[in-house]
Every structure is written in C-alpha cells, then in structure tokens.
C-alpha cells in the first residue's frame, strides 16, 4: 500500500488504522479488498472527504492520496510529507499535526 499525503491547514485531525486493504479513517471504514490488480476506483465512488485521488491497485498494491490536515505551526516534515509505503496493520503514524513546544 502507498498512501500519498496532501497537506492542508485544517482544525480537524486525521486518524487512520489499517487491516490488510481495509482503512478506517476517523471512524469510517473503507474496504478495498475487491479492487483487482490494474483497476481504478474513481474518487467520487468513495464517500470519503479525506480522499483526494482515485484508488488504484498497481502491481498488487493499493495507491491513494489522502488530505493530511495540519495546524498553523506544522513542521516542515508535515507540510512536505513523504508517502507512507507498506504500512503495517494497526494505527498508521502520520506526521505531527503541529509543532510540539517545550515550556521550560
């Protein structure tokens, strides 16, 4: 699986878990198990406000792009994120929503 991220300033945060080809995004479940290799599922066929691309299966792997919300002081790694490639099942760790400040 390859999840590309499209950063956007938003107040709502994103939480994703993965089980095989099933993604749970902020509590809503999306099952892509039936998408055959070489097929494309149009973005408009998936009722998900976080999805900003079609969902494709390329060489057996799902490829999609999700909005990555971030706070007003997001670090550069969040504003210019790397794709998430072959994440393990479970919670998917996303780049930091906002800068963490230390009040020493």
C-alpha atoms as a PDB file:
ATOM      1  CA  UNK A   1       0.000   0.000   0.000  1.00  0.00           C
ATOM      2  CA  UNK A   2       1.181   3.502  -0.796  1.00  0.00           C
ATOM      3  CA  UNK A   3      -0.580   6.445   0.835  1.00  0.00           C
ATOM      4  CA  UNK A   4       0.378   9.813  -0.597  1.00  0.00           C
ATOM      5  CA  UNK A   5      -0.404  12.818   1.598  1.00  0.00           C
ATOM      6  CA  UNK A   6      -1.733  16.197   0.506  1.00  0.00           C
ATOM      7  CA  UNK A   7      -1.198  18.685   3.361  1.00  0.00           C
ATOM      8  CA  UNK A   8      -3.913  21.235   4.159  1.00  0.00           C
ATOM      9  CA  UNK A   9      -4.405  23.609   7.079  1.00  0.00           C
ATOM     10  CA  UNK A  10      -7.438  22.291   8.979  1.00  0.00           C
ATOM     11  CA  UNK A  11      -8.647  22.238  12.557  1.00  0.00           C
ATOM     12  CA  UNK A  12      -9.807  18.601  12.369  1.00  0.00           C
ATOM     13  CA  UNK A  13      -7.136  15.915  12.774  1.00  0.00           C
ATOM     14  CA  UNK A  14      -6.820  12.629  10.892  1.00  0.00           C
ATOM     15  CA  UNK A  15      -6.612   9.155  12.439  1.00  0.00           C
ATOM     16  CA  UNK A  16      -6.084   6.055  10.283  1.00  0.00           C
ATOM     17  CA  UNK A  17      -5.883   2.360  11.053  1.00  0.00           C
ATOM     18  CA  UNK A  18      -5.169  -0.384   8.540  1.00  0.00           C
ATOM     19  CA  UNK A  19      -6.125  -4.049   8.414  1.00  0.00           C
ATOM     20  CA  UNK A  20      -4.990  -5.561   5.132  1.00  0.00           C
ATOM     21  CA  UNK A  21      -6.676  -3.485   2.420  1.00  0.00           C
ATOM     22  CA  UNK A  22      -9.230  -2.027   4.836  1.00  0.00           C
ATOM     23  CA  UNK A  23      -8.660   1.527   6.063  1.00  0.00           C
ATOM     24  CA  UNK A  24     -10.526   3.078   8.953  1.00  0.00           C
ATOM     25  CA  UNK A  25     -10.342   6.850   8.621  1.00  0.00           C
ATOM     26  CA  UNK A  26     -11.669   8.876  11.560  1.00  0.00           C
ATOM     27  CA  UNK A  27     -14.002   6.009  12.444  1.00  0.00           C
ATOM     28  CA  UNK A  28     -15.323   5.301   8.926  1.00  0.00           C
ATOM     29  CA  UNK A  29     -14.286   2.010   7.295  1.00  0.00           C
ATOM     30  CA  UNK A  30     -13.292   1.660   3.625  1.00  0.00           C
ATOM     31  CA  UNK A  31     -12.749  -1.867   2.283  1.00  0.00           C
ATOM     32  CA  UNK A  32     -10.653  -2.047  -0.888  1.00  0.00           C
ATOM     33  CA  UNK A  33     -10.197  -5.849  -0.865  1.00  0.00           C
ATOM     34  CA  UNK A  34     -12.306  -6.353  -4.011  1.00  0.00           C
ATOM     35  CA  UNK A  35     -10.333  -3.895  -6.178  1.00  0.00           C
ATOM     36  CA  UNK A  36      -8.500  -6.092  -8.722  1.00  0.00           C
ATOM     37  CA  UNK A  37      -4.947  -5.517  -9.929  1.00  0.00           C
ATOM     38  CA  UNK A  38      -4.766  -2.822 -12.598  1.00  0.00           C
ATOM     39  CA  UNK A  39      -8.174  -1.384 -11.654  1.00  0.00           C
ATOM     40  CA  UNK A  40      -9.054   2.156 -10.651  1.00  0.00           C
ATOM     41  CA  UNK A  41     -11.851   3.139  -8.303  1.00  0.00           C
ATOM     42  CA  UNK A  42     -12.844   6.761  -9.015  1.00  0.00           C
ATOM     43  CA  UNK A  43     -12.557   9.106  -6.049  1.00  0.00           C
ATOM     44  CA  UNK A  44     -16.210  10.077  -6.470  1.00  0.00           C
ATOM     45  CA  UNK A  45     -17.254   6.433  -5.910  1.00  0.00           C
ATOM     46  CA  UNK A  46     -15.832   6.553  -2.374  1.00  0.00           C
ATOM     47  CA  UNK A  47     -17.729   8.649   0.157  1.00  0.00           C
ATOM     48  CA  UNK A  48     -14.661   9.945   1.992  1.00  0.00           C
ATOM     49  CA  UNK A  49     -13.901  13.636   2.471  1.00  0.00           C
ATOM     50  CA  UNK A  50     -10.214  12.814   3.128  1.00  0.00           C
ATOM     51  CA  UNK A  51      -9.646  11.047  -0.201  1.00  0.00           C
ATOM     52  CA  UNK A  52      -8.327  13.365  -2.935  1.00  0.00           C
ATOM     53  CA  UNK A  53      -7.417  10.830  -5.624  1.00  0.00           C
ATOM     54  CA  UNK A  54      -8.716   7.759  -7.334  1.00  0.00           C
ATOM     55  CA  UNK A  55      -7.830   4.493  -5.608  1.00  0.00           C
ATOM     56  CA  UNK A  56      -5.691   2.249  -7.797  1.00  0.00           C
ATOM     57  CA  UNK A  57      -4.224  -1.201  -7.451  1.00  0.00           C
ATOM     58  CA  UNK A  58      -0.800  -1.240  -9.117  1.00  0.00           C
ATOM     59  CA  UNK A  59       1.228  -4.456  -9.092  1.00  0.00           C
ATOM     60  CA  UNK A  60      -0.982  -5.745  -6.295  1.00  0.00           C
ATOM     61  CA  UNK A  61      -0.587  -2.652  -4.085  1.00  0.00           C
ATOM     62  CA  UNK A  62      -3.205  -0.018  -3.295  1.00  0.00           C
ATOM     63  CA  UNK A  63      -2.225   3.549  -4.175  1.00  0.00           C
ATOM     64  CA  UNK A  64      -4.230   6.553  -2.958  1.00  0.00           C
ATOM     65  CA  UNK A  65      -3.869  10.121  -1.742  1.00  0.00           C
ATOM     66  CA  UNK A  66      -5.390  11.490   1.460  1.00  0.00           C
ATOM     67  CA  UNK A  67      -5.586  15.010   2.841  1.00  0.00           C
ATOM     68  CA  UNK A  68      -3.121  15.476   5.683  1.00  0.00           C
ATOM     69  CA  UNK A  69      -4.580  18.143   7.972  1.00  0.00           C
ATOM     70  CA  UNK A  70      -2.134  20.248   9.955  1.00  0.00           C
ATOM     71  CA  UNK A  71      -2.089  23.044  12.486  1.00  0.00           C
ATOM     72  CA  UNK A  72      -0.911  26.623  11.977  1.00  0.00           C
ATOM     73  CA  UNK A  73       2.653  25.850  13.096  1.00  0.00           C
ATOM     74  CA  UNK A  74       3.128  22.489  11.402  1.00  0.00           C
ATOM     75  CA  UNK A  75       6.729  21.362  10.975  1.00  0.00           C
ATOM     76  CA  UNK A  76       8.260  21.141   7.520  1.00  0.00           C
ATOM     77  CA  UNK A  77       8.010  17.335   7.607  1.00  0.00           C
ATOM     78  CA  UNK A  78       4.224  17.725   7.796  1.00  0.00           C
ATOM     79  CA  UNK A  79       3.951  20.472   5.196  1.00  0.00           C
ATOM     80  CA  UNK A  80       6.091  18.416   2.768  1.00  0.00           C
ATOM     81  CA  UNK A  81       5.360  14.810   3.778  1.00  0.00           C
ATOM     82  CA  UNK A  82       6.876  11.646   2.387  1.00  0.00           C
ATOM     83  CA  UNK A  83       4.457   8.962   1.162  1.00  0.00           C
ATOM     84  CA  UNK A  84       3.586   6.194   3.594  1.00  0.00           C
ATOM     85  CA  UNK A  85       4.743   2.991   1.941  1.00  0.00           C
ATOM     86  CA  UNK A  86       3.734  -0.512   3.057  1.00  0.00           C
ATOM     87  CA  UNK A  87       2.415   0.460   6.497  1.00  0.00           C
ATOM     88  CA  UNK A  88       1.926  -2.362   8.963  1.00  0.00           C
ATOM     89  CA  UNK A  89      -1.553  -3.267  10.139  1.00  0.00           C
ATOM     90  CA  UNK A  90      -2.716  -1.136  13.054  1.00  0.00           C
ATOM     91  CA  UNK A  91      -2.612   2.592  13.624  1.00  0.00           C
ATOM     92  CA  UNK A  92      -0.792   4.478  10.883  1.00  0.00           C
ATOM     93  CA  UNK A  93       1.578   7.069  12.275  1.00  0.00           C
ATOM     94  CA  UNK A  94       1.116  10.391  10.496  1.00  0.00           C
ATOM     95  CA  UNK A  95       3.442  13.400  10.539  1.00  0.00           C
ATOM     96  CA  UNK A  96       2.945  15.733  13.516  1.00  0.00           C
ATOM     97  CA  UNK A  97      -0.211  17.856  13.308  1.00  0.00           C
ATOM     98  CA  UNK A  98       1.561  20.906  14.756  1.00  0.00           C
ATOM     99  CA  UNK A  99       4.908  21.788  16.299  1.00  0.00           C
ATOM    100  CA  UNK A 100       5.425  20.494  19.784  1.00  0.00           C
ATOM    101  CA  UNK A 101       6.599  23.232  22.106  1.00  0.00           C
ATOM    102  CA  UNK A 102       8.504  22.794  25.335  1.00  0.00           C
ATOM    103  CA  UNK A 103       7.661  25.242  28.070  1.00  0.00           C
ATOM    104  CA  UNK A 104      10.880  25.032  30.087  1.00  0.00           C
END
